[in-house]
Amino acid sequence: MNSKIRCIAVDDELLGRKLLEENIGQLPFLELVGTCKNAFEAIELLANEKVDLVFLDIQMPGMTGTKLLESMVTKPMVIFVTAYEQYAVESYDLQVVDYLMKPVSFERFTKAAMKAKELFRLSKSEVTNEEQTYMFVNVEYSLVKINFDQITHIEGLKDYIKIYVTNAVHPILTKSTLKGIEEKLPSKKFLRVQKSFIVNLEKIESIRNHRITIGKYEIPVSDSNMESLLEAINYNK
């Protein structure tokens, strides 16, 4: 993909903005749209420019970076750049691409930018879910690739989901809703069978008394989804 990632740098310190500007300029897939010294300048810039990625300081006068992100209706990708590690947990809940601690080496900056590049590529991909064979999910500030044919089932836990895969002892935990992850999956292979569960149809071993067996797991099927399940597996009475 030839299009560049349009980004802005937000930091109340001049040195911080200059360093971000310098680092951004060294990566050919990034295009710096502008720099801001506080959240209010960023709000104005975001209202007038198309921005894909924000390098965002947290501790700023007037409004913190976390409050700025929470206030956005349409959220661009965000990489926090801060001197304060105590915001790490809060930033994880905000689903940022990465969390950089000052002083940031160019190597670490590049690693974070590459994560954003991959997310940007996936968001602009013309490949449909039915053609796609994998997806990426955020797991503790890393993008983890998961092949669809390795997924057995997915369990929703409020704001988090567990993705059960054949090649791992423990499920993969990522912050998302079940509806959000469902939109990434090929509908011909995966089916939501209950409020909290999505199953890979190819991994079903048996169905009995409204319960699906996949390996050592038993997954409940709601009455309303039972007919859809039977249709999906081409069951004929």
Protein backbone atom coordinates (compact mmCIF):
# COMPACT_ATOMS: atom_id res chain seq x y z
CA MET A 1 0.00 0.00 0.00
CA ASN A 2 1.44 3.33 -1.08
CA SER A 3 -0.65 5.69 1.06
CA LYS A 4 1.15 7.18 4.03
CA ILE A 5 -0.08 7.26 7.61
CA ARG A 6 -1.04 10.85 8.41
CA CYS A 7 0.01 11.62 11.98
CA ILE A 8 0.32 14.42 14.52
CA ALA A 9 2.59 14.87 17.55
CA VAL A 10 1.11 16.24 20.77
CA ASP A 11 3.47 17.20 23.60
CA ASP A 12 3.57 20.23 25.89
CA GLU A 13 7.39 20.27 25.84
CA LEU A 14 9.16 21.75 22.80
CA LEU A 15 11.97 19.18 23.00
CA GLY A 16 9.43 16.35 23.06
CA ARG A 17 7.72 17.69 19.93
CA LYS A 18 11.03 18.15 18.14
CA LEU A 19 12.14 14.58 18.90
CA LEU A 20 8.83 13.17 17.68
CA GLU A 21 9.02 15.30 14.56
CA GLU A 22 12.56 14.06 13.88
CA ASN A 23 11.64 10.40 14.39
CA ILE A 24 8.53 10.66 12.24
CA GLY A 25 10.59 12.25 9.47
CA GLN A 26 12.91 9.24 9.36
CA LEU A 27 10.14 6.74 8.62
CA PRO A 28 8.96 6.97 4.99
CA PHE A 29 5.49 5.52 5.69
CA LEU A 30 4.66 8.34 8.14
CA GLU A 31 3.51 11.83 7.12
CA LEU A 32 3.56 14.55 9.78
CA VAL A 33 0.43 16.70 9.48
CA GLY A 34 1.23 18.98 12.42
CA THR A 35 2.41 19.35 16.00
CA CYS A 36 0.47 20.56 19.05
CA LYS A 37 1.57 21.74 22.49
CA ASN A 38 -1.67 20.80 24.25
CA ALA A 39 -4.90 18.82 23.91
CA PHE A 40 -6.93 21.87 22.80
CA GLU A 41 -4.67 22.51 19.81
CA ALA A 42 -4.94 18.81 18.99
CA ILE A 43 -8.76 18.95 19.07
CA GLU A 44 -8.73 21.84 16.59
CA LEU A 45 -6.24 20.11 14.31
CA LEU A 46 -8.17 16.84 14.39
CA ALA A 47 -11.34 18.71 13.43
CA ASN A 48 -9.69 20.19 10.32
CA GLU A 49 -7.33 17.47 9.13
CA LYS A 50 -7.58 13.79 8.31
CA VAL A 51 -5.39 12.10 10.93
CA ASP A 52 -4.70 8.36 11.12
CA LEU A 53 -2.27 8.28 14.05
CA VAL A 54 -1.58 10.47 17.09
CA PHE A 55 1.68 10.40 19.07
CA LEU A 56 0.26 11.65 22.33
CA ASP A 57 1.82 12.85 25.58
CA ILE A 58 -0.30 12.15 28.67
CA GLN A 59 0.63 14.64 31.40
CA MET A 60 -0.24 18.02 29.88
CA PRO A 61 -1.74 21.19 31.40
CA GLY A 62 -5.46 21.76 30.87
CA MET A 63 -6.36 18.30 29.64
CA THR A 64 -4.43 15.04 29.86
CA GLY A 65 -3.81 12.84 26.86
CA THR A 66 -6.04 10.10 28.28
CA LYS A 67 -8.93 12.55 28.72
CA LEU A 68 -8.41 13.78 25.17
CA LEU A 69 -8.62 10.24 23.83
CA GLU A 70 -11.71 9.47 25.91
CA SER A 71 -13.42 12.58 24.50
CA MET A 72 -12.95 11.56 20.86
CA VAL A 73 -16.04 10.18 19.12
CA THR A 74 -14.06 8.88 16.16
CA LYS A 75 -10.71 7.67 17.43
CA PRO A 76 -7.54 7.53 15.32
CA MET A 77 -4.76 5.15 16.26
CA VAL A 78 -2.87 6.44 19.30
CA ILE A 79 0.65 5.83 20.60
CA PHE A 80 1.20 7.28 24.05
CA VAL A 81 4.62 8.86 24.65
CA THR A 82 5.08 9.71 28.32
CA ALA A 83 7.49 9.90 31.23
CA TYR A 84 4.92 8.41 33.63
CA GLU A 85 4.49 4.65 33.76
CA GLN A 86 1.47 4.75 36.11
CA TYR A 87 -0.87 5.36 33.15
CA ALA A 88 -0.01 2.05 31.48
CA VAL A 89 -3.06 0.14 32.76
CA GLU A 90 -5.44 2.98 31.89
CA SER A 91 -3.97 3.23 28.40
CA TYR A 92 -4.47 -0.51 27.86
CA ASP A 93 -8.18 -0.04 28.58
CA LEU A 94 -8.20 2.70 25.94
CA GLN A 95 -6.87 0.22 23.36
CA VAL A 96 -3.90 2.29 22.22
CA VAL A 97 -1.39 0.87 19.74
CA ASP A 98 1.57 1.21 22.10
CA TYR A 99 2.86 2.92 25.23
CA LEU A 100 6.31 4.50 24.98
CA MET A 101 8.33 5.61 27.99
CA LYS A 102 10.55 8.69 27.64
CA PRO A 103 13.34 8.86 26.69
CA VAL A 104 12.33 6.82 23.64
CA SER A 105 15.02 5.24 21.50
CA PHE A 106 14.54 5.39 17.73
CA GLU A 107 14.48 1.58 17.67
CA ARG A 108 11.60 1.47 20.15
CA PHE A 109 9.81 4.28 18.30
CA THR A 110 10.13 2.36 15.04
CA LYS A 111 8.73 -0.81 16.62
CA ALA A 112 5.63 1.09 17.77
CA ALA A 113 5.22 2.77 14.39
CA MET A 114 5.42 -0.61 12.64
CA LYS A 115 2.53 -1.85 14.78
CA ALA A 116 0.50 1.14 13.63
CA LYS A 117 1.51 0.46 10.04
CA GLU A 118 0.20 -3.11 10.24
CA LEU A 119 -3.08 -2.00 11.80
CA PHE A 120 -3.40 0.69 9.13
CA ARG A 121 -2.77 -1.87 6.39
CA LEU A 122 -5.41 -4.20 7.80
CA SER A 123 -7.96 -1.41 8.10
CA LYS A 124 -7.44 -0.44 4.45
CA SER A 125 -7.24 -3.99 3.13
CA GLU A 126 -9.53 -4.81 0.25
CA VAL A 127 -9.52 -8.50 1.18
CA THR A 128 -12.92 -9.53 2.52
CA ASN A 129 -13.40 -11.56 5.69
CA GLU A 130 -14.34 -14.56 3.59
CA GLU A 131 -10.99 -14.43 1.75
CA GLN A 132 -8.87 -13.51 4.76
CA THR A 133 -7.21 -16.45 6.53
CA TYR A 134 -6.04 -14.67 9.67
CA MET A 135 -6.51 -11.63 11.90
CA PHE A 136 -4.37 -9.58 14.27
CA VAL A 137 -5.42 -8.81 17.84
CA ASN A 138 -3.86 -6.59 20.50
CA VAL A 139 -2.36 -8.58 23.38
CA GLU A 140 -0.51 -6.49 25.98
CA TYR A 141 0.73 -3.87 23.47
CA SER A 142 1.70 -6.49 20.88
CA LEU A 143 -0.08 -7.41 17.66
CA VAL A 144 -0.61 -11.16 17.66
CA LYS A 145 -1.47 -12.99 14.44
CA ILE A 146 -4.11 -15.71 14.74
CA ASN A 147 -4.99 -18.03 11.86
CA PHE A 148 -8.72 -18.64 11.60
CA ASP A 149 -8.29 -22.40 11.17
CA GLN A 150 -6.51 -22.56 14.56
CA ILE A 151 -9.45 -21.03 16.44
CA THR A 152 -11.80 -23.53 18.08
CA HIS A 153 -14.13 -21.07 19.80
CA ILE A 154 -14.29 -17.61 21.35
CA GLU A 155 -15.76 -16.64 24.70
CA GLY A 156 -16.96 -13.14 25.57
CA LEU A 157 -16.20 -11.69 29.02
CA LYS A 158 -17.75 -8.22 29.13
CA ASP A 159 -15.02 -5.96 27.62
CA TYR A 160 -12.58 -8.82 27.02
CA ILE A 161 -12.67 -12.00 24.99
CA LYS A 162 -10.89 -15.34 25.22
CA ILE A 163 -9.78 -16.85 21.91
CA TYR A 164 -9.21 -20.60 22.19
CA VAL A 165 -6.69 -21.91 19.68
CA THR A 166 -5.37 -25.38 18.89
CA ASN A 167 -1.69 -24.49 19.19
CA ALA A 168 -1.74 -22.92 22.68
CA VAL A 169 -2.19 -24.26 26.20
CA HIS A 170 -4.06 -21.17 27.37
CA PRO A 171 -6.59 -19.00 25.49
CA ILE A 172 -5.51 -15.64 24.10
CA LEU A 173 -6.99 -12.75 26.10
CA THR A 174 -7.65 -9.48 24.29
CA LYS A 175 -9.70 -6.38 25.00
CA SER A 176 -12.68 -6.42 22.64
CA THR A 177 -16.37 -7.13 22.49
CA LEU A 178 -17.70 -10.34 21.03
CA LYS A 179 -19.53 -8.31 18.39
CA GLY A 180 -16.31 -6.52 17.47
CA ILE A 181 -14.38 -9.74 16.95
CA GLU A 182 -17.32 -11.37 15.15
CA GLU A 183 -17.06 -8.73 12.43
CA LYS A 184 -13.48 -9.83 11.70
CA LEU A 185 -14.38 -13.51 11.25
CA PRO A 186 -15.53 -15.23 8.04
CA SER A 187 -19.27 -15.80 8.53
CA LYS A 188 -19.24 -19.09 6.62
CA LYS A 189 -16.85 -20.65 9.14
CA PHE A 190 -17.88 -19.08 12.43
CA LEU A 191 -21.25 -18.81 14.15
CA ARG A 192 -22.43 -17.12 17.31
CA VAL A 193 -24.32 -19.83 19.15
CA GLN A 194 -25.01 -18.07 22.41
CA LYS A 195 -24.71 -14.58 23.90
CA SER A 196 -21.15 -15.26 25.06
CA PHE A 197 -19.82 -17.79 22.52
CA ILE A 198 -18.72 -18.01 18.90
CA VAL A 199 -17.65 -21.39 17.50
CA ASN A 200 -15.61 -22.55 14.53
CA LEU A 201 -18.09 -24.82 12.72
CA GLU A 202 -15.29 -27.05 11.44
CA LYS A 203 -14.13 -27.80 15.00
CA ILE A 204 -17.49 -29.10 16.28
CA GLU A 205 -17.24 -32.75 17.33
CA SER A 206 -20.79 -33.32 18.53
CA ILE A 207 -24.06 -31.58 19.42
CA ARG A 208 -26.29 -32.91 22.16
CA ASN A 209 -28.97 -31.35 24.37
CA HIS A 210 -28.19 -27.83 23.14
CA ARG A 211 -24.49 -28.26 23.91
CA ILE A 212 -21.57 -28.35 21.48
CA THR A 213 -18.51 -30.43 22.24
CA ILE A 214 -15.12 -29.21 21.01
CA GLY A 215 -12.28 -31.14 22.60
CA LYS A 216 -12.59 -30.90 26.37
CA TYR A 217 -15.01 -27.96 26.15
CA GLU A 218 -18.81 -27.97 26.20
CA ILE A 219 -20.42 -24.85 24.79
CA PRO A 220 -24.10 -24.01 25.35
CA VAL A 221 -26.35 -23.21 22.39
CA SER A 222 -29.31 -20.89 22.94
CA ASP A 223 -32.75 -21.90 21.70
CA SER A 224 -32.82 -18.95 19.32
CA ASN A 225 -29.52 -19.97 17.69
CA MET A 226 -30.11 -23.72 17.48
CA GLU A 227 -31.87 -23.55 14.12
CA SER A 228 -29.10 -21.37 12.66
CA LEU A 229 -26.53 -23.85 13.88
CA LEU A 230 -28.29 -26.81 12.26
CA GLU A 231 -28.57 -24.88 9.00
CA ALA A 232 -24.89 -23.91 9.14
CA ILE A 233 -23.73 -27.54 9.49
CA ASN A 234 -26.17 -28.63 6.74
CA TYR A 235 -28.12 -30.87 9.08
CA ASN A 236 -31.26 -32.37 7.56
CA LYS A 237 -33.82 -34.07 9.74
